[in-house]
Amino acid sequence: MSTITLSDILDDIQAAEQGLRRFERRYWVSSDHFYDLYSKGFLDDGENLEDFSEWAGHYKLRQKRMAALEGVK
């Protein structure tokens, strides 16, 4: 099992943030609001399924890495 470094955490947060901003600009909604709706199953699962899955992945990665960052402090 490999150890994640602070640099890895920060790199992942930056990459996730870039992905989140891209989807926020495309769909004109904050990632927090999107994820709330997505996790409750209120969003379209048809033509936007791929985008929404990727967006949710960026969101979950950011949340996970932010928690890891808090653990470093």
PDB file of N, CA and C in Angstrom:
ATOM      1  N   MET A   1       0.847  -1.183   0.000  1.00  0.00           N
ATOM      2  CA  MET A   1       0.000   0.000   0.000  1.00  0.00           C
ATOM      3  C   MET A   1       0.888   1.241   0.000  1.00  0.00           C
ATOM      4  N   SER A   2       0.610   2.147  -0.905  1.00  0.00           N
ATOM      5  CA  SER A   2       1.426   3.350  -1.001  1.00  0.00           C
ATOM      6  C   SER A   2       0.848   4.460  -0.123  1.00  0.00           C
ATOM      7  N   THR A   3       1.730   5.349   0.275  1.00  0.00           N
ATOM      8  CA  THR A   3       1.340   6.484   1.104  1.00  0.00           C
ATOM      9  C   THR A   3       1.120   7.694   0.213  1.00  0.00           C
ATOM     10  N   ILE A   4       0.043   8.409   0.474  1.00  0.00           N
ATOM     11  CA  ILE A   4      -0.234   9.614  -0.297  1.00  0.00           C
ATOM     12  C   ILE A   4       0.486  10.785   0.369  1.00  0.00           C
ATOM     13  N   THR A   5       1.125  11.587  -0.437  1.00  0.00           N
ATOM     14  CA  THR A   5       1.888  12.723   0.077  1.00  0.00           C
ATOM     15  C   THR A   5       1.045  13.989   0.058  1.00  0.00           C
ATOM     16  N   LEU A   6       1.501  14.996   0.759  1.00  0.00           N
ATOM     17  CA  LEU A   6       0.829  16.288   0.751  1.00  0.00           C
ATOM     18  C   LEU A   6       0.775  16.837  -0.669  1.00  0.00           C
ATOM     19  N   SER A   7       1.848  16.663  -1.405  1.00  0.00           N
ATOM     20  CA  SER A   7       1.881  17.123  -2.792  1.00  0.00           C
ATOM     21  C   SER A   7       0.816  16.412  -3.634  1.00  0.00           C
ATOM     22  N   ASP A   8       0.650  15.121  -3.424  1.00  0.00           N
ATOM     23  CA  ASP A   8      -0.387  14.358  -4.137  1.00  0.00           C
ATOM     24  C   ASP A   8      -1.780  14.882  -3.802  1.00  0.00           C
ATOM     25  N   ILE A   9      -2.003  15.149  -2.520  1.00  0.00           N
ATOM     26  CA  ILE A   9      -3.301  15.665  -2.080  1.00  0.00           C
ATOM     27  C   ILE A   9      -3.596  16.995  -2.749  1.00  0.00           C
ATOM     28  N   LEU A  10      -2.616  17.897  -2.735  1.00  0.00           N
ATOM     29  CA  LEU A  10      -2.815  19.219  -3.335  1.00  0.00           C
ATOM     30  C   LEU A  10      -3.007  19.139  -4.841  1.00  0.00           C
ATOM     31  N   ASP A  11      -2.253  18.262  -5.495  1.00  0.00           N
ATOM     32  CA  ASP A  11      -2.413  18.071  -6.946  1.00  0.00           C
ATOM     33  C   ASP A  11      -3.816  17.554  -7.276  1.00  0.00           C
ATOM     34  N   ASP A  12      -4.292  16.597  -6.489  1.00  0.00           N
ATOM     35  CA  ASP A  12      -5.626  16.048  -6.720  1.00  0.00           C
ATOM     36  C   ASP A  12      -6.707  17.097  -6.491  1.00  0.00           C
ATOM     37  N   ILE A  13      -6.551  17.913  -5.462  1.00  0.00           N
ATOM     38  CA  ILE A  13      -7.523  18.978  -5.197  1.00  0.00           C
ATOM     39  C   ILE A  13      -7.556  19.950  -6.356  1.00  0.00           C
ATOM     40  N   GLN A  14      -6.387  20.334  -6.856  1.00  0.00           N
ATOM     41  CA  GLN A  14      -6.334  21.267  -7.979  1.00  0.00           C
ATOM     42  C   GLN A  14      -6.994  20.668  -9.221  1.00  0.00           C
ATOM     43  N   ALA A  15      -6.725  19.422  -9.514  1.00  0.00           N
ATOM     44  CA  ALA A  15      -7.320  18.770 -10.687  1.00  0.00           C
ATOM     45  C   ALA A  15      -8.841  18.667 -10.529  1.00  0.00           C
ATOM     46  N   ALA A  16      -9.289  18.305  -9.336  1.00  0.00           N
ATOM     47  CA  ALA A  16     -10.728  18.199  -9.091  1.00  0.00           C
ATOM     48  C   ALA A  16     -11.401  19.557  -9.235  1.00  0.00           C
ATOM     49  N   GLU A  17     -10.776  20.595  -8.699  1.00  0.00           N
ATOM     50  CA  GLU A  17     -11.339  21.946  -8.797  1.00  0.00           C
ATOM     51  C   GLU A  17     -11.466  22.390 -10.256  1.00  0.00           C
ATOM     52  N   GLN A  18     -10.477  22.073 -11.064  1.00  0.00           N
ATOM     53  CA  GLN A  18     -10.548  22.427 -12.487  1.00  0.00           C
ATOM     54  C   GLN A  18     -11.723  21.721 -13.154  1.00  0.00           C
ATOM     55  N   GLY A  19     -11.900  20.446 -12.859  1.00  0.00           N
ATOM     56  CA  GLY A  19     -13.025  19.700 -13.419  1.00  0.00           C
ATOM     57  C   GLY A  19     -14.360  20.260 -12.946  1.00  0.00           C
ATOM     58  N   LEU A  20     -14.451  20.598 -11.677  1.00  0.00           N
ATOM     59  CA  LEU A  20     -15.693  21.156 -11.134  1.00  0.00           C
ATOM     60  C   LEU A  20     -16.036  22.483 -11.808  1.00  0.00           C
ATOM     61  N   ARG A  21     -15.044  23.342 -11.960  1.00  0.00           N
ATOM     62  CA  ARG A  21     -15.294  24.645 -12.609  1.00  0.00           C
ATOM     63  C   ARG A  21     -15.773  24.474 -14.050  1.00  0.00           C
ATOM     64  N   ARG A  22     -15.213  23.488 -14.728  1.00  0.00           N
ATOM     65  CA  ARG A  22     -15.616  23.241 -16.119  1.00  0.00           C
ATOM     66  C   ARG A  22     -17.112  22.891 -16.186  1.00  0.00           C
ATOM     67  N   PHE A  23     -17.558  22.011 -15.305  1.00  0.00           N
ATOM     68  CA  PHE A  23     -18.971  21.618 -15.307  1.00  0.00           C
ATOM     69  C   PHE A  23     -19.870  22.734 -14.779  1.00  0.00           C
ATOM     70  N   GLU A  24     -19.393  23.491 -13.810  1.00  0.00           N
ATOM     71  CA  GLU A  24     -20.189  24.614 -13.300  1.00  0.00           C
ATOM     72  C   GLU A  24     -20.434  25.649 -14.393  1.00  0.00           C
ATOM     73  N   ARG A  25     -19.425  25.903 -15.212  1.00  0.00           N
ATOM     74  CA  ARG A  25     -19.594  26.842 -16.335  1.00  0.00           C
ATOM     75  C   ARG A  25     -20.533  26.267 -17.397  1.00  0.00           C
ATOM     76  N   ARG A  26     -20.430  24.989 -17.649  1.00  0.00           N
ATOM     77  CA  ARG A  26     -21.259  24.354 -18.671  1.00  0.00           C
ATOM     78  C   ARG A  26     -22.733  24.327 -18.264  1.00  0.00           C
ATOM     79  N   TYR A  27     -23.009  24.020 -17.002  1.00  0.00           N
ATOM     80  CA  TYR A  27     -24.397  23.818 -16.563  1.00  0.00           C
ATOM     81  C   TYR A  27     -24.945  24.943 -15.684  1.00  0.00           C
ATOM     82  N   TRP A  28     -24.134  25.944 -15.387  1.00  0.00           N
ATOM     83  CA  TRP A  28     -24.579  27.118 -14.622  1.00  0.00           C
ATOM     84  C   TRP A  28     -25.174  26.750 -13.267  1.00  0.00           C
ATOM     85  N   VAL A  29     -24.499  25.855 -12.560  1.00  0.00           N
ATOM     86  CA  VAL A  29     -24.941  25.475 -11.215  1.00  0.00           C
ATOM     87  C   VAL A  29     -23.698  25.144 -10.384  1.00  0.00           C
ATOM     88  N   SER A  30     -23.761  25.452  -9.095  1.00  0.00           N
ATOM     89  CA  SER A  30     -22.614  25.148  -8.233  1.00  0.00           C
ATOM     90  C   SER A  30     -22.476  23.637  -8.075  1.00  0.00           C
ATOM     91  N   SER A  31     -21.280  23.205  -7.823  1.00  0.00           N
ATOM     92  CA  SER A  31     -21.041  21.770  -7.644  1.00  0.00           C
ATOM     93  C   SER A  31     -21.726  21.248  -6.390  1.00  0.00           C
ATOM     94  N   ASP A  32     -21.796  22.045  -5.345  1.00  0.00           N
ATOM     95  CA  ASP A  32     -22.486  21.606  -4.132  1.00  0.00           C
ATOM     96  C   ASP A  32     -23.970  21.351  -4.416  1.00  0.00           C
ATOM     97  N   HIS A  33     -24.595  22.271  -5.119  1.00  0.00           N
ATOM     98  CA  HIS A  33     -26.010  22.122  -5.458  1.00  0.00           C
ATOM     99  C   HIS A  33     -26.211  20.931  -6.408  1.00  0.00           C
ATOM    100  N   PHE A  34     -25.345  20.848  -7.412  1.00  0.00           N
ATOM    101  CA  PHE A  34     -25.407  19.711  -8.333  1.00  0.00           C
ATOM    102  C   PHE A  34     -25.331  18.394  -7.575  1.00  0.00           C
ATOM    103  N   TYR A  35     -24.342  18.257  -6.700  1.00  0.00           N
ATOM    104  CA  TYR A  35     -24.134  16.974  -6.036  1.00  0.00           C
ATOM    105  C   TYR A  35     -25.295  16.626  -5.106  1.00  0.00           C
ATOM    106  N   ASP A  36     -25.864  17.635  -4.476  1.00  0.00           N
ATOM    107  CA  ASP A  36     -27.039  17.398  -3.641  1.00  0.00           C
ATOM    108  C   ASP A  36     -28.172  16.796  -4.483  1.00  0.00           C
ATOM    109  N   LEU A  37     -28.451  17.400  -5.620  1.00  0.00           N
ATOM    110  CA  LEU A  37     -29.500  16.895  -6.514  1.00  0.00           C
ATOM    111  C   LEU A  37     -29.135  15.528  -7.096  1.00  0.00           C
ATOM    112  N   TYR A  38     -27.889  15.397  -7.514  1.00  0.00           N
ATOM    113  CA  TYR A  38     -27.417  14.148  -8.127  1.00  0.00           C
ATOM    114  C   TYR A  38     -27.525  12.985  -7.143  1.00  0.00           C
ATOM    115  N   SER A  39     -27.087  13.209  -5.911  1.00  0.00           N
ATOM    116  CA  SER A  39     -27.085  12.130  -4.925  1.00  0.00           C
ATOM    117  C   SER A  39     -28.501  11.721  -4.520  1.00  0.00           C
ATOM    118  N   LYS A  40     -29.470  12.615  -4.720  1.00  0.00           N
ATOM    119  CA  LYS A  40     -30.869  12.295  -4.418  1.00  0.00           C
ATOM    120  C   LYS A  40     -31.599  11.713  -5.625  1.00  0.00           C
ATOM    121  N   GLY A  41     -30.904  11.630  -6.769  1.00  0.00           N
ATOM    122  CA  GLY A  41     -31.486  11.045  -7.967  1.00  0.00           C
ATOM    123  C   GLY A  41     -32.436  11.963  -8.722  1.00  0.00           C
ATOM    124  N   PHE A  42     -32.307  13.282  -8.526  1.00  0.00           N
ATOM    125  CA  PHE A  42     -33.215  14.231  -9.162  1.00  0.00           C
ATOM    126  C   PHE A  42     -32.774  14.700 -10.545  1.00  0.00           C
ATOM    127  N   LEU A  43     -31.610  14.286 -11.003  1.00  0.00           N
ATOM    128  CA  LEU A  43     -31.105  14.791 -12.284  1.00  0.00           C
ATOM    129  C   LEU A  43     -31.294  13.789 -13.408  1.00  0.00           C
ATOM    130  N   ASP A  44     -31.305  14.321 -14.606  1.00  0.00           N
ATOM    131  CA  ASP A  44     -31.427  13.545 -15.839  1.00  0.00           C
ATOM    132  C   ASP A  44     -30.371  12.440 -15.860  1.00  0.00           C
ATOM    133  N   ASP A  45     -30.783  11.237 -16.170  1.00  0.00           N
ATOM    134  CA  ASP A  45     -29.813  10.151 -16.278  1.00  0.00           C
ATOM    135  C   ASP A  45     -29.674   9.674 -17.721  1.00  0.00           C
ATOM    136  N   GLY A  46     -30.108  10.499 -18.654  1.00  0.00           N
ATOM    137  CA  GLY A  46     -30.056  10.137 -20.064  1.00  0.00           C
ATOM    138  C   GLY A  46     -28.860  10.733 -20.770  1.00  0.00           C
ATOM    139  N   GLU A  47     -29.093  11.782 -21.517  1.00  0.00           N
ATOM    140  CA  GLU A  47     -28.047  12.351 -22.365  1.00  0.00           C
ATOM    141  C   GLU A  47     -26.888  12.960 -21.579  1.00  0.00           C
ATOM    142  N   ASN A  48     -27.096  13.300 -20.318  1.00  0.00           N
ATOM    143  CA  ASN A  48     -26.030  13.916 -19.511  1.00  0.00           C
ATOM    144  C   ASN A  48     -25.373  12.946 -18.544  1.00  0.00           C
ATOM    145  N   LEU A  49     -25.696  11.681 -18.637  1.00  0.00           N
ATOM    146  CA  LEU A  49     -25.201  10.696 -17.683  1.00  0.00           C
ATOM    147  C   LEU A  49     -23.680  10.705 -17.568  1.00  0.00           C
ATOM    148  N   GLU A  50     -22.992  10.726 -18.673  1.00  0.00           N
ATOM    149  CA  GLU A  50     -21.530  10.692 -18.650  1.00  0.00           C
ATOM    150  C   GLU A  50     -20.963  11.937 -17.969  1.00  0.00           C
ATOM    151  N   ASP A  51     -21.476  13.119 -18.335  1.00  0.00           N
ATOM    152  CA  ASP A  51     -21.026  14.355 -17.692  1.00  0.00           C
ATOM    153  C   ASP A  51     -21.297  14.327 -16.199  1.00  0.00           C
ATOM    154  N   PHE A  52     -22.503  13.931 -15.829  1.00  0.00           N
ATOM    155  CA  PHE A  52     -22.882  13.958 -14.418  1.00  0.00           C
ATOM    156  C   PHE A  52     -22.061  12.963 -13.605  1.00  0.00           C
ATOM    157  N   SER A  53     -21.765  11.818 -14.176  1.00  0.00           N
ATOM    158  CA  SER A  53     -20.931  10.834 -13.485  1.00  0.00           C
ATOM    159  C   SER A  53     -19.523  11.369 -13.268  1.00  0.00           C
ATOM    160  N   GLU A  54     -18.965  12.006 -14.298  1.00  0.00           N
ATOM    161  CA  GLU A  54     -17.631  12.583 -14.175  1.00  0.00           C
ATOM    162  C   GLU A  54     -17.630  13.725 -13.163  1.00  0.00           C
ATOM    163  N   TRP A  55     -18.644  14.584 -13.223  1.00  0.00           N
ATOM    164  CA  TRP A  55     -18.763  15.710 -12.301  1.00  0.00           C
ATOM    165  C   TRP A  55     -18.822  15.197 -10.863  1.00  0.00           C
ATOM    166  N   ALA A  56     -19.645  14.189 -10.625  1.00  0.00           N
ATOM    167  CA  ALA A  56     -19.759  13.607  -9.284  1.00  0.00           C
ATOM    168  C   ALA A  56     -18.421  13.018  -8.837  1.00  0.00           C
ATOM    169  N   GLY A  57     -17.688  12.437  -9.761  1.00  0.00           N
ATOM    170  CA  GLY A  57     -16.372  11.890  -9.436  1.00  0.00           C
ATOM    171  C   GLY A  57     -15.407  12.972  -8.996  1.00  0.00           C
ATOM    172  N   HIS A  58     -15.393  14.094  -9.706  1.00  0.00           N
ATOM    173  CA  HIS A  58     -14.545  15.227  -9.311  1.00  0.00           C
ATOM    174  C   HIS A  58     -14.951  15.729  -7.935  1.00  0.00           C
ATOM    175  N   TYR A  59     -16.253  15.797  -7.698  1.00  0.00           N
ATOM    176  CA  TYR A  59     -16.757  16.291  -6.418  1.00  0.00           C
ATOM    177  C   TYR A  59     -16.324  15.370  -5.274  1.00  0.00           C
ATOM    178  N   LYS A  60     -16.499  14.067  -5.461  1.00  0.00           N
ATOM    179  CA  LYS A  60     -16.133  13.111  -4.411  1.00  0.00           C
ATOM    180  C   LYS A  60     -14.623  13.104  -4.162  1.00  0.00           C
ATOM    181  N   LEU A  61     -13.836  13.234  -5.229  1.00  0.00           N
ATOM    182  CA  LEU A  61     -12.386  13.290  -5.071  1.00  0.00           C
ATOM    183  C   LEU A  61     -11.997  14.519  -4.256  1.00  0.00           C
ATOM    184  N   ARG A  62     -12.592  15.665  -4.574  1.00  0.00           N
ATOM    185  CA  ARG A  62     -12.269  16.878  -3.822  1.00  0.00           C
ATOM    186  C   ARG A  62     -12.627  16.696  -2.350  1.00  0.00           C
ATOM    187  N   GLN A  63     -13.798  16.147  -2.076  1.00  0.00           N
ATOM    188  CA  GLN A  63     -14.219  15.954  -0.686  1.00  0.00           C
ATOM    189  C   GLN A  63     -13.248  15.018   0.054  1.00  0.00           C
ATOM    190  N   LYS A  64     -12.874  13.945  -0.613  1.00  0.00           N
ATOM    191  CA  LYS A  64     -11.965  12.973   0.003  1.00  0.00           C
ATOM    192  C   LYS A  64     -10.595  13.585   0.274  1.00  0.00           C
ATOM    193  N   ARG A  65     -10.086  14.337  -0.699  1.00  0.00           N
ATOM    194  CA  ARG A  65      -8.761  14.945  -0.530  1.00  0.00           C
ATOM    195  C   ARG A  65      -8.788  16.106   0.464  1.00  0.00           C
ATOM    196  N   MET A  66      -9.891  16.822   0.533  1.00  0.00           N
ATOM    197  CA  MET A  66     -10.006  17.896   1.535  1.00  0.00           C
ATOM    198  C   MET A  66     -10.001  17.281   2.930  1.00  0.00           C
ATOM    199  N   ALA A  67     -10.649  16.157   3.111  1.00  0.00           N
ATOM    200  CA  ALA A  67     -10.644  15.468   4.402  1.00  0.00           C
ATOM    201  C   ALA A  67      -9.232  14.999   4.731  1.00  0.00           C
ATOM    202  N   ALA A  68      -8.517  14.494   3.725  1.00  0.00           N
ATOM    203  CA  ALA A  68      -7.133  14.056   3.935  1.00  0.00           C
ATOM    204  C   ALA A  68      -6.250  15.244   4.309  1.00  0.00           C
ATOM    205  N   LEU A  69      -6.494  16.382   3.678  1.00  0.00           N
ATOM    206  CA  LEU A  69      -5.732  17.588   3.973  1.00  0.00           C
ATOM    207  C   LEU A  69      -5.968  18.027   5.412  1.00  0.00           C
ATOM    208  N   GLU A  70      -7.201  17.944   5.864  1.00  0.00           N
ATOM    209  CA  GLU A  70      -7.519  18.280   7.257  1.00  0.00           C
ATOM    210  C   GLU A  70      -6.770  17.357   8.215  1.00  0.00           C
ATOM    211  N   GLY A  71      -6.600  16.109   7.822  1.00  0.00           N
ATOM    212  CA  GLY A  71      -5.888  15.143   8.645  1.00  0.00           C
ATOM    213  C   GLY A  71      -4.399  15.419   8.759  1.00  0.00           C
ATOM    214  N   VAL A  72      -3.863  16.160   7.788  1.00  0.00           N
ATOM    215  CA  VAL A  72      -2.438  16.494   7.781  1.00  0.00           C
ATOM    216  C   VAL A  72      -2.152  17.605   8.778  1.00  0.00           C
ATOM    217  N   LYS A  73      -3.118  18.473   8.991  1.00  0.00           N
ATOM    218  CA  LYS A  73      -2.913  19.646   9.859  1.00  0.00           C
ATOM    219  C   LYS A  73      -2.726  19.265  11.303  1.00  0.00           C
TER     220      LYS A  73
END
